[in-house]
Amino acid sequence: MLQKTKRFASKFGKKTLELAKRNIPATVSLVLTVAAIILTTVCSAHTVSIYDGRSSYSVLTLSANPEVILSKVNLAKEDYEVVSFKNGIFAGKIEIVYLVPLTVKKGDEVKTYVVREGRLSNLLADAGIDLDEHDIVSLSLNYYVDKATEVEITDVEFVTVITTENVPSESKESVKTKTITTCVKYVNGVATEVVSTSEKISSYTIEQNTIEETKTPQYSANASYPASSVPCISTLDAPDSLLLDKSGKPIEYVSKTTLRATAYTHTGNRCSTGVYPQPGCVAVDPKEIPYGTKMYIVSADGKYVYGYAIAADTGGFINGTRTDIDLFLDTESQCKEFGRRDVVVYFVK
């Protein structure tokens, strides 16, 4: 544009001298017009600095459109995103980041995301991919992704299965039970190995007139038995009205739903409702599940029985994570073993 202006001024220079000899006012007007054009052009041109995180570029331009300005330089890559653009009278500044494809393979699922350059851990979080502490990632989470990249995630979970069975007792006035705790390792949803197994035998002394109530239920077509007779994690006393069918599900309930659950343990503080926490107290989003709501909770596969529970606490997990309910457990190791899993929640009266 500046070259065109110079040519324009030169072309009319001679004509200006000729007019000056014949018509002084016309010459002055023409000179002023040319001067105004040159001054406007010079003032409109400004230098814009471009920064892509690696290199800097400078462009002398009349445009205020960042895409037009960026088209004047050969950037390192074609795919980019403008982060900021400041355009002043004499200078401007454009900051861009390059976009790269990130292909994530998780089990049989393969998905490609177009992401900004950055550390892998941040890019996975931005893509909504949550990682557990046991998950295996084929690349370091500190790996800087600045080109087309493929990463494989192996989902690893440790699931604790607790089963209880009666064992023969030497006395009619006592009951013995054997609790078997098994930790199973799952890789991409498939059980691959039994990590540990432990057994514990407990003996309970009972009064003669309560023996019939504590016997293992004999199922019939319409059999039911109290939830309080089923071994579970919860230490809350289930109401006598809470009866289960032969499959271990409440016979009567208001509604049921499947939620994503994690676990938490003692912090030294009371629950949000003022009670001291114990197994059976669960943390919820009170906007979704009001405090005091009564529930009966089992794992989605029916192998892990949490038992009778009450909404008594609020978990920080409800903000920005993908869990819906947090179950209280006695120890940190139990919480780690529990991990994150789906549970079926029966809302009871």
Protein backbone atom coordinates (compact mmCIF):
# COMPACT_ATOMS: atom_id res chain seq x y z
CA MET A 1 0.00 0.00 0.00
CA LEU A 2 2.87 2.35 0.80
CA GLN A 3 4.47 1.69 -2.61
CA LYS A 4 1.17 2.49 -4.35
CA THR A 5 0.98 5.76 -2.42
CA LYS A 6 4.52 6.72 -3.48
CA ARG A 7 3.72 6.01 -7.12
CA PHE A 8 0.55 8.06 -6.74
CA ALA A 9 2.50 11.01 -5.32
CA SER A 10 5.17 10.81 -8.06
CA LYS A 11 2.57 10.63 -10.85
CA PHE A 12 0.87 13.77 -9.72
CA GLY A 13 4.08 15.61 -8.86
CA LYS A 14 4.70 16.88 -12.37
CA LYS A 15 1.04 17.76 -12.83
CA THR A 16 1.19 19.74 -9.63
CA LEU A 17 4.10 21.86 -10.94
CA GLU A 18 2.26 22.60 -14.19
CA LEU A 19 -0.89 23.62 -12.36
CA ALA A 20 1.19 25.76 -10.06
CA LYS A 21 2.18 27.95 -13.02
CA ARG A 22 -1.43 28.44 -14.15
CA ASN A 23 -3.59 28.14 -11.06
CA ILE A 24 -2.07 28.59 -7.63
CA PRO A 25 -5.30 27.79 -5.59
CA ALA A 26 -5.91 24.55 -7.48
CA THR A 27 -2.30 23.51 -6.87
CA VAL A 28 -2.56 24.10 -3.16
CA SER A 29 -5.78 22.05 -2.98
CA LEU A 30 -4.23 19.14 -4.83
CA VAL A 31 -1.11 19.18 -2.67
CA LEU A 32 -3.18 19.15 0.48
CA THR A 33 -5.24 16.22 -0.83
CA VAL A 34 -2.16 14.18 -1.64
CA ALA A 35 -0.64 15.00 1.72
CA ALA A 36 -3.81 13.90 3.50
CA ILE A 37 -3.83 10.56 1.66
CA ILE A 38 -0.18 9.91 2.49
CA LEU A 39 -0.66 10.91 6.14
CA THR A 40 -3.75 8.67 6.53
CA THR A 41 -2.00 5.69 5.01
CA VAL A 42 1.12 6.09 7.13
CA CYS A 43 -0.91 6.48 10.33
CA SER A 44 -3.11 3.47 9.55
CA ALA A 45 -0.18 1.11 9.02
CA HIS A 46 1.02 -0.52 12.24
CA THR A 47 3.24 -3.39 13.32
CA VAL A 48 1.65 -6.53 14.77
CA SER A 49 3.77 -9.01 16.75
CA ILE A 50 2.80 -12.68 16.54
CA TYR A 51 3.88 -15.23 19.18
CA ASP A 52 3.23 -18.97 18.87
CA GLY A 53 5.03 -20.18 22.00
CA ARG A 54 8.26 -20.82 20.10
CA SER A 55 8.91 -18.02 17.64
CA SER A 56 7.98 -14.38 17.14
CA TYR A 57 6.90 -12.78 13.88
CA SER A 58 6.29 -9.15 12.92
CA VAL A 59 3.86 -7.92 10.25
CA LEU A 60 3.37 -4.34 8.98
CA THR A 61 -0.29 -4.17 8.10
CA LEU A 62 -3.32 -1.97 7.69
CA SER A 63 -5.73 -4.76 8.70
CA ALA A 64 -7.40 -5.22 12.08
CA ASN A 65 -8.47 -8.79 11.30
CA PRO A 66 -6.21 -11.37 13.05
CA GLU A 67 -6.86 -14.05 10.42
CA VAL A 68 -5.79 -11.68 7.65
CA ILE A 69 -2.68 -10.69 9.59
CA LEU A 70 -1.73 -14.31 10.32
CA SER A 71 -2.09 -15.20 6.64
CA LYS A 72 0.89 -12.92 5.93
CA VAL A 73 3.38 -15.17 7.75
CA ASN A 74 4.40 -18.79 7.39
CA LEU A 75 3.49 -20.33 10.75
CA ALA A 76 5.00 -23.61 11.96
CA LYS A 77 1.63 -25.36 11.62
CA GLU A 78 -1.63 -24.74 9.81
CA ASP A 79 -3.97 -25.67 12.68
CA TYR A 80 -3.97 -23.11 15.44
CA GLU A 81 -6.23 -21.16 17.76
CA VAL A 82 -6.00 -17.45 18.58
CA VAL A 83 -5.59 -17.07 22.34
CA SER A 84 -5.47 -13.27 22.49
CA PHE A 85 -5.46 -10.31 20.10
CA LYS A 86 -4.63 -6.72 21.06
CA ASN A 87 -4.74 -4.11 18.33
CA GLY A 88 -3.43 -0.61 19.03
CA ILE A 89 -2.96 2.48 16.89
CA PHE A 90 0.77 1.96 16.39
CA ALA A 91 1.25 -1.70 17.39
CA GLY A 92 -0.64 -4.91 18.00
CA LYS A 93 -0.04 -8.37 19.46
CA ILE A 94 -1.44 -11.82 18.61
CA GLU A 95 -0.86 -14.97 20.69
CA ILE A 96 -1.74 -18.37 19.23
CA VAL A 97 -1.50 -22.02 20.26
CA TYR A 98 -1.21 -24.91 17.85
CA LEU A 99 -3.83 -27.68 17.72
CA VAL A 100 -2.85 -31.35 17.47
CA PRO A 101 -4.79 -34.65 17.29
CA LEU A 102 -4.66 -36.82 20.40
CA THR A 103 -5.86 -40.41 19.93
CA VAL A 104 -6.85 -42.21 23.13
CA LYS A 105 -7.34 -45.97 23.24
CA LYS A 106 -9.10 -47.33 26.33
CA GLY A 107 -9.99 -51.00 26.07
CA ASP A 108 -11.90 -51.49 22.82
CA GLU A 109 -12.77 -47.79 22.58
CA VAL A 110 -10.64 -45.52 20.39
CA LYS A 111 -11.36 -41.80 20.16
CA THR A 112 -9.45 -38.87 18.67
CA TYR A 113 -9.56 -35.40 20.20
CA VAL A 114 -8.28 -32.13 18.70
CA VAL A 115 -6.50 -30.42 21.58
CA ARG A 116 -4.17 -27.53 22.28
CA GLU A 117 -0.51 -28.37 22.76
CA GLY A 118 0.27 -29.13 26.39
CA ARG A 119 1.06 -31.74 29.05
CA LEU A 120 -0.74 -35.04 28.62
CA SER A 121 -2.26 -34.94 32.12
CA ASN A 122 -3.93 -31.60 31.39
CA LEU A 123 -5.15 -32.66 27.96
CA LEU A 124 -6.75 -35.85 29.31
CA ALA A 125 -8.49 -33.86 32.04
CA ASP A 126 -9.75 -31.31 29.48
CA ALA A 127 -11.11 -34.22 27.41
CA GLY A 128 -13.07 -35.44 30.45
CA ILE A 129 -10.98 -38.60 30.94
CA ASP A 130 -10.62 -39.46 34.63
CA LEU A 131 -7.69 -41.58 35.75
CA ASP A 132 -7.56 -43.69 38.91
CA GLU A 133 -4.31 -44.16 40.78
CA HIS A 134 -4.12 -47.77 39.50
CA ASP A 135 -4.69 -46.98 35.82
CA ILE A 136 -1.76 -47.57 33.46
CA VAL A 137 -0.93 -44.94 30.82
CA SER A 138 1.42 -45.78 27.95
CA LEU A 139 3.04 -42.32 28.10
CA SER A 140 4.21 -40.24 31.04
CA LEU A 141 1.55 -37.81 32.23
CA ASN A 142 4.24 -35.12 32.00
CA TYR A 143 4.75 -35.86 28.29
CA TYR A 144 4.37 -32.66 26.25
CA VAL A 145 2.00 -33.24 23.34
CA ASP A 146 3.03 -31.00 20.42
CA LYS A 147 2.29 -33.32 17.49
CA ALA A 148 -0.14 -36.10 16.54
CA THR A 149 0.03 -38.50 19.49
CA GLU A 150 -1.49 -41.86 20.43
CA VAL A 151 -1.85 -42.95 24.05
CA GLU A 152 -3.28 -46.15 25.50
CA ILE A 153 -4.97 -46.26 28.89
CA THR A 154 -5.40 -49.54 30.72
CA ASP A 155 -8.22 -49.34 33.27
CA VAL A 156 -7.19 -51.17 36.44
CA GLU A 157 -9.53 -51.65 39.39
CA PHE A 158 -9.26 -53.63 42.58
CA VAL A 159 -12.66 -54.87 43.73
CA THR A 160 -13.25 -56.28 47.19
CA VAL A 161 -15.86 -59.01 47.44
CA ILE A 162 -17.13 -59.95 50.90
CA THR A 163 -19.14 -63.10 51.47
CA THR A 164 -20.37 -64.58 54.73
CA GLU A 165 -21.45 -68.11 55.55
CA ASN A 166 -22.47 -69.96 58.68
CA VAL A 167 -20.12 -72.55 60.16
CA PRO A 168 -20.96 -75.33 62.67
CA SER A 169 -20.98 -74.23 66.29
CA GLU A 170 -20.27 -76.35 69.35
CA SER A 171 -23.07 -74.70 71.29
CA LYS A 172 -26.72 -74.09 70.50
CA GLU A 173 -26.40 -70.80 72.33
CA SER A 174 -23.87 -69.35 69.91
CA VAL A 175 -23.61 -68.75 66.19
CA LYS A 176 -20.40 -68.81 64.17
CA THR A 177 -19.96 -67.11 60.83
CA LYS A 178 -17.04 -67.09 58.43
CA THR A 179 -16.42 -63.87 56.54
CA ILE A 180 -14.32 -64.27 53.40
CA THR A 181 -12.77 -61.12 51.95
CA THR A 182 -11.36 -61.42 48.44
CA CYS A 183 -9.63 -58.69 46.45
CA VAL A 184 -9.87 -59.19 42.69
CA LYS A 185 -7.92 -57.26 40.09
CA TYR A 186 -9.87 -56.17 37.00
CA VAL A 187 -8.11 -55.00 33.83
CA ASN A 188 -10.40 -53.20 31.37
CA GLY A 189 -13.38 -54.74 33.12
CA VAL A 190 -12.06 -58.33 33.03
CA ALA A 191 -11.02 -60.16 36.21
CA THR A 192 -7.39 -61.16 35.79
CA GLU A 193 -6.22 -62.32 39.21
CA VAL A 194 -7.13 -62.75 42.86
CA VAL A 195 -4.81 -60.40 44.71
CA SER A 196 -5.60 -61.51 48.24
CA THR A 197 -8.01 -63.60 50.25
CA SER A 198 -8.60 -63.55 53.98
CA GLU A 199 -11.00 -65.37 56.30
CA LYS A 200 -12.35 -64.35 59.65
CA ILE A 201 -14.52 -66.48 61.94
CA SER A 202 -16.78 -64.64 64.36
CA SER A 203 -18.77 -66.12 67.22
CA TYR A 204 -21.93 -64.55 68.62
CA THR A 205 -23.66 -65.53 71.83
CA ILE A 206 -27.43 -65.31 71.54
CA GLU A 207 -30.35 -65.80 73.87
CA GLN A 208 -32.33 -68.99 73.51
CA ASN A 209 -35.52 -67.19 72.54
CA THR A 210 -33.83 -65.38 69.64
CA ILE A 211 -32.19 -68.38 68.02
CA GLU A 212 -34.99 -68.83 65.52
CA GLU A 213 -34.67 -65.20 64.41
CA THR A 214 -30.96 -65.48 63.68
CA LYS A 215 -31.06 -68.70 61.69
CA THR A 216 -30.27 -68.54 58.00
CA PRO A 217 -33.60 -67.93 56.22
CA GLN A 218 -35.18 -70.90 54.47
CA TYR A 219 -36.42 -69.49 51.19
CA SER A 220 -39.78 -70.25 49.72
CA ALA A 221 -41.50 -68.74 46.71
CA ASN A 222 -42.55 -65.66 48.69
CA ALA A 223 -39.88 -65.76 51.39
CA SER A 224 -38.52 -62.58 52.97
CA TYR A 225 -36.08 -61.86 55.77
CA PRO A 226 -34.96 -58.76 57.68
CA ALA A 227 -32.11 -56.70 56.25
CA SER A 228 -30.58 -56.62 59.74
CA SER A 229 -29.75 -60.33 59.40
CA VAL A 230 -27.54 -59.82 56.34
CA PRO A 231 -23.79 -59.22 56.80
CA CYS A 232 -22.92 -55.81 55.39
CA ILE A 233 -20.56 -52.85 55.77
CA SER A 234 -23.05 -50.51 57.40
CA THR A 235 -23.16 -50.46 61.21
CA LEU A 236 -26.51 -48.65 61.31
CA ASP A 237 -29.47 -50.62 62.67
CA ALA A 238 -31.79 -51.40 59.81
CA PRO A 239 -35.49 -50.99 60.72
CA ASP A 240 -37.48 -54.19 61.25
CA SER A 241 -39.77 -53.16 58.40
CA LEU A 242 -36.90 -53.35 55.89
CA LEU A 243 -37.31 -56.83 54.41
CA LEU A 244 -35.31 -58.39 51.59
CA ASP A 245 -36.30 -60.99 49.04
CA LYS A 246 -34.27 -64.10 48.26
CA SER A 247 -32.07 -62.15 45.83
CA GLY A 248 -31.09 -59.68 48.57
CA LYS A 249 -33.15 -56.74 47.29
CA PRO A 250 -35.68 -54.76 49.36
CA ILE A 251 -39.21 -56.01 48.86
CA GLU A 252 -40.68 -52.56 49.31
CA TYR A 253 -38.97 -49.35 48.24
CA VAL A 254 -40.00 -45.94 46.94
CA SER A 255 -37.61 -45.91 43.96
CA LYS A 256 -34.20 -47.12 42.90
CA THR A 257 -31.33 -45.79 40.81
CA THR A 258 -27.76 -46.66 39.83
CA LEU A 259 -25.12 -44.16 40.97
CA ARG A 260 -21.35 -43.83 40.66
CA ALA A 261 -19.80 -44.16 44.14
CA THR A 262 -16.50 -43.52 45.88
CA ALA A 263 -15.55 -43.91 49.56
CA TYR A 264 -14.23 -41.68 52.34
CA THR A 265 -13.16 -42.20 55.95
CA HIS A 266 -12.50 -40.41 59.26
CA THR A 267 -11.36 -36.78 59.09
CA GLY A 268 -11.85 -35.93 62.78
CA ASN A 269 -14.93 -33.87 61.96
CA ARG A 270 -18.63 -34.49 62.28
CA CYS A 271 -20.89 -34.92 59.29
CA SER A 272 -22.65 -31.89 57.81
CA THR A 273 -25.76 -32.91 59.76
CA GLY A 274 -23.85 -32.85 63.08
CA VAL A 275 -23.62 -36.61 63.69
CA TYR A 276 -20.36 -38.49 63.99
CA PRO A 277 -19.64 -40.54 60.85
CA GLN A 278 -19.83 -44.32 60.81
CA PRO A 279 -20.33 -46.96 58.11
CA GLY A 280 -23.85 -46.33 56.88
CA CYS A 281 -23.45 -42.54 56.71
CA VAL A 282 -23.19 -41.42 53.12
CA ALA A 283 -22.27 -38.07 51.59
CA VAL A 284 -24.57 -36.67 48.92
CA ASP A 285 -25.44 -33.51 47.07
CA PRO A 286 -28.37 -32.38 49.26
CA LYS A 287 -29.89 -30.62 46.27
CA GLU A 288 -30.33 -34.03 44.68
CA ILE A 289 -30.72 -36.29 47.73
CA PRO A 290 -32.00 -34.50 50.87
CA TYR A 291 -30.37 -35.11 54.25
CA GLY A 292 -32.06 -37.90 56.18
CA THR A 293 -32.96 -39.88 53.07
CA LYS A 294 -32.94 -43.60 53.89
CA MET A 295 -31.40 -46.06 51.48
CA TYR A 296 -30.33 -49.66 51.01
CA ILE A 297 -27.16 -49.94 48.90
CA VAL A 298 -25.54 -52.86 47.08
CA SER A 299 -22.95 -52.97 44.30
CA ALA A 300 -24.34 -53.16 40.80
CA ASP A 301 -23.27 -56.79 40.46
CA GLY A 302 -24.89 -57.68 43.82
CA LYS A 303 -21.64 -58.99 45.32
CA TYR A 304 -20.81 -56.03 47.56
CA VAL A 305 -23.42 -55.21 50.22
CA TYR A 306 -23.09 -51.79 51.85
CA GLY A 307 -26.49 -52.14 53.54
CA TYR A 308 -28.82 -49.71 55.25
CA ALA A 309 -27.65 -46.10 54.91
CA ILE A 310 -28.74 -42.52 55.61
CA ALA A 311 -27.77 -39.32 53.78
CA ALA A 312 -25.86 -37.50 56.53
CA ASP A 313 -22.99 -35.63 54.95
CA THR A 314 -21.96 -33.47 52.01
CA GLY A 315 -18.93 -34.43 49.97
CA GLY A 316 -16.61 -32.07 48.12
CA PHE A 317 -16.70 -34.74 45.40
CA ILE A 318 -20.02 -33.33 44.17
CA ASN A 319 -18.26 -30.35 42.58
CA GLY A 320 -16.66 -31.10 39.23
CA THR A 321 -16.25 -34.87 39.50
CA ARG A 322 -18.14 -37.80 38.12
CA THR A 323 -19.33 -39.45 41.30
CA ASP A 324 -22.84 -39.17 42.71
CA ILE A 325 -22.49 -40.58 46.22
CA ASP A 326 -19.69 -41.15 48.75
CA LEU A 327 -19.86 -44.09 51.17
CA PHE A 328 -18.20 -43.92 54.59
CA LEU A 329 -15.75 -46.72 55.42
CA ASP A 330 -13.71 -47.29 58.56
CA THR A 331 -10.18 -47.12 57.12
CA GLU A 332 -8.25 -45.45 54.34
CA SER A 333 -7.12 -48.84 53.00
CA GLN A 334 -10.76 -49.91 52.64
CA CYS A 335 -11.44 -46.73 50.70
CA LYS A 336 -8.56 -47.42 48.32
CA GLU A 337 -9.79 -50.97 47.79
CA PHE A 338 -13.30 -49.70 47.16
CA GLY A 339 -12.09 -47.26 44.50
CA ARG A 340 -14.91 -46.07 42.27
CA ARG A 341 -17.80 -48.34 41.31
CA ASP A 342 -21.46 -48.36 40.37
CA VAL A 343 -23.95 -49.07 43.14
CA VAL A 344 -27.69 -49.68 43.12
CA VAL A 345 -29.47 -47.44 45.61
CA TYR A 346 -32.93 -48.36 46.85
CA PHE A 347 -34.74 -45.46 48.49
CA VAL A 348 -36.78 -46.85 51.39
CA LYS A 349 -39.25 -45.45 53.86
